[in-house]
Protein backbone atom coordinates (compact mmCIF):
# COMPACT_ATOMS: atom_id res chain seq x y z
CA UNK A 1 55.79 146.45 121.51
CA UNK A 2 53.96 144.24 123.97
CA UNK A 3 54.68 140.51 124.01
CA UNK A 4 51.76 138.13 123.52
CA UNK A 5 51.86 134.50 124.64
CA UNK A 6 50.98 132.01 121.92
CA UNK A 7 49.86 128.44 122.54
CA UNK A 8 50.69 125.91 119.81
CA UNK A 9 49.01 122.52 119.73
CA UNK A 10 50.07 119.59 117.58
CA UNK A 11 47.19 117.62 116.10
CA UNK A 12 47.17 114.60 113.81
CA UNK A 13 46.48 116.83 110.78
CA UNK A 14 48.80 119.76 111.61
CA UNK A 15 49.30 122.55 114.12
CA UNK A 16 46.92 125.10 115.66
CA UNK A 17 48.17 128.28 117.34
CA UNK A 18 46.26 130.87 119.34
CA UNK A 19 47.24 133.86 121.46
CA UNK A 20 46.46 134.39 125.13
CA UNK A 21 45.34 137.84 126.25
CA UNK A 22 43.45 139.17 123.24
CA UNK A 23 39.74 139.93 123.25
CA UNK A 24 38.03 138.03 120.44
CA UNK A 25 38.99 134.89 118.58
CA UNK A 26 42.34 134.70 116.80
CA UNK A 27 43.63 131.37 115.47
CA UNK A 28 46.38 130.29 113.12
CA UNK A 29 46.99 126.89 111.59
CA UNK A 30 49.49 125.11 109.40
CA UNK A 31 51.03 121.82 108.41
CA UNK A 32 54.17 122.72 110.39
CA UNK A 33 54.91 124.60 113.60
CA UNK A 34 56.49 127.41 111.60
CA UNK A 35 53.45 127.76 109.31
CA UNK A 36 51.07 127.90 112.28
CA UNK A 37 53.22 130.55 113.99
CA UNK A 38 53.42 132.68 110.84
CA UNK A 39 49.65 132.36 110.34
CA UNK A 40 48.76 133.32 113.92
CA UNK A 41 51.21 136.26 113.94
CA UNK A 42 49.58 137.57 110.76
CA UNK A 43 46.13 137.08 112.32
CA UNK A 44 47.18 138.91 115.51
CA UNK A 45 48.52 141.85 113.51
CA UNK A 46 45.31 142.04 111.46
CA UNK A 47 43.15 141.78 114.60
CA UNK A 48 44.99 144.64 116.35
CA UNK A 49 44.98 146.82 113.21
CA UNK A 50 41.25 146.21 112.75
CA UNK A 51 40.00 146.58 116.34
CA UNK A 52 42.73 148.72 117.90
CA UNK A 53 45.16 148.16 120.75
CA UNK A 54 42.37 148.16 123.35
CA UNK A 55 41.67 144.50 122.46
CA UNK A 56 44.87 143.57 124.30
CA UNK A 57 43.88 142.57 127.82
CA UNK A 58 45.89 144.41 130.44
CA UNK A 59 45.01 142.19 133.40
CA UNK A 60 46.19 138.63 133.84
CA UNK A 61 43.32 136.11 133.68
CA UNK A 62 42.34 134.37 136.91
CA UNK A 63 42.87 130.61 136.70
């Protein structure tokens, strides 16, 4: 299985997590870091199952 980088941001009202390298918008959130990670992992799995593995970008983005 391919590894996907996940960014987690702490905000005043909780945590937001989103993956890098997927086509489309995938976001998870939670009151704790663990909840946000669990939510985004579930969202990633659903996104890949729905749209197929071709939504995983194979090239590194240019910064």
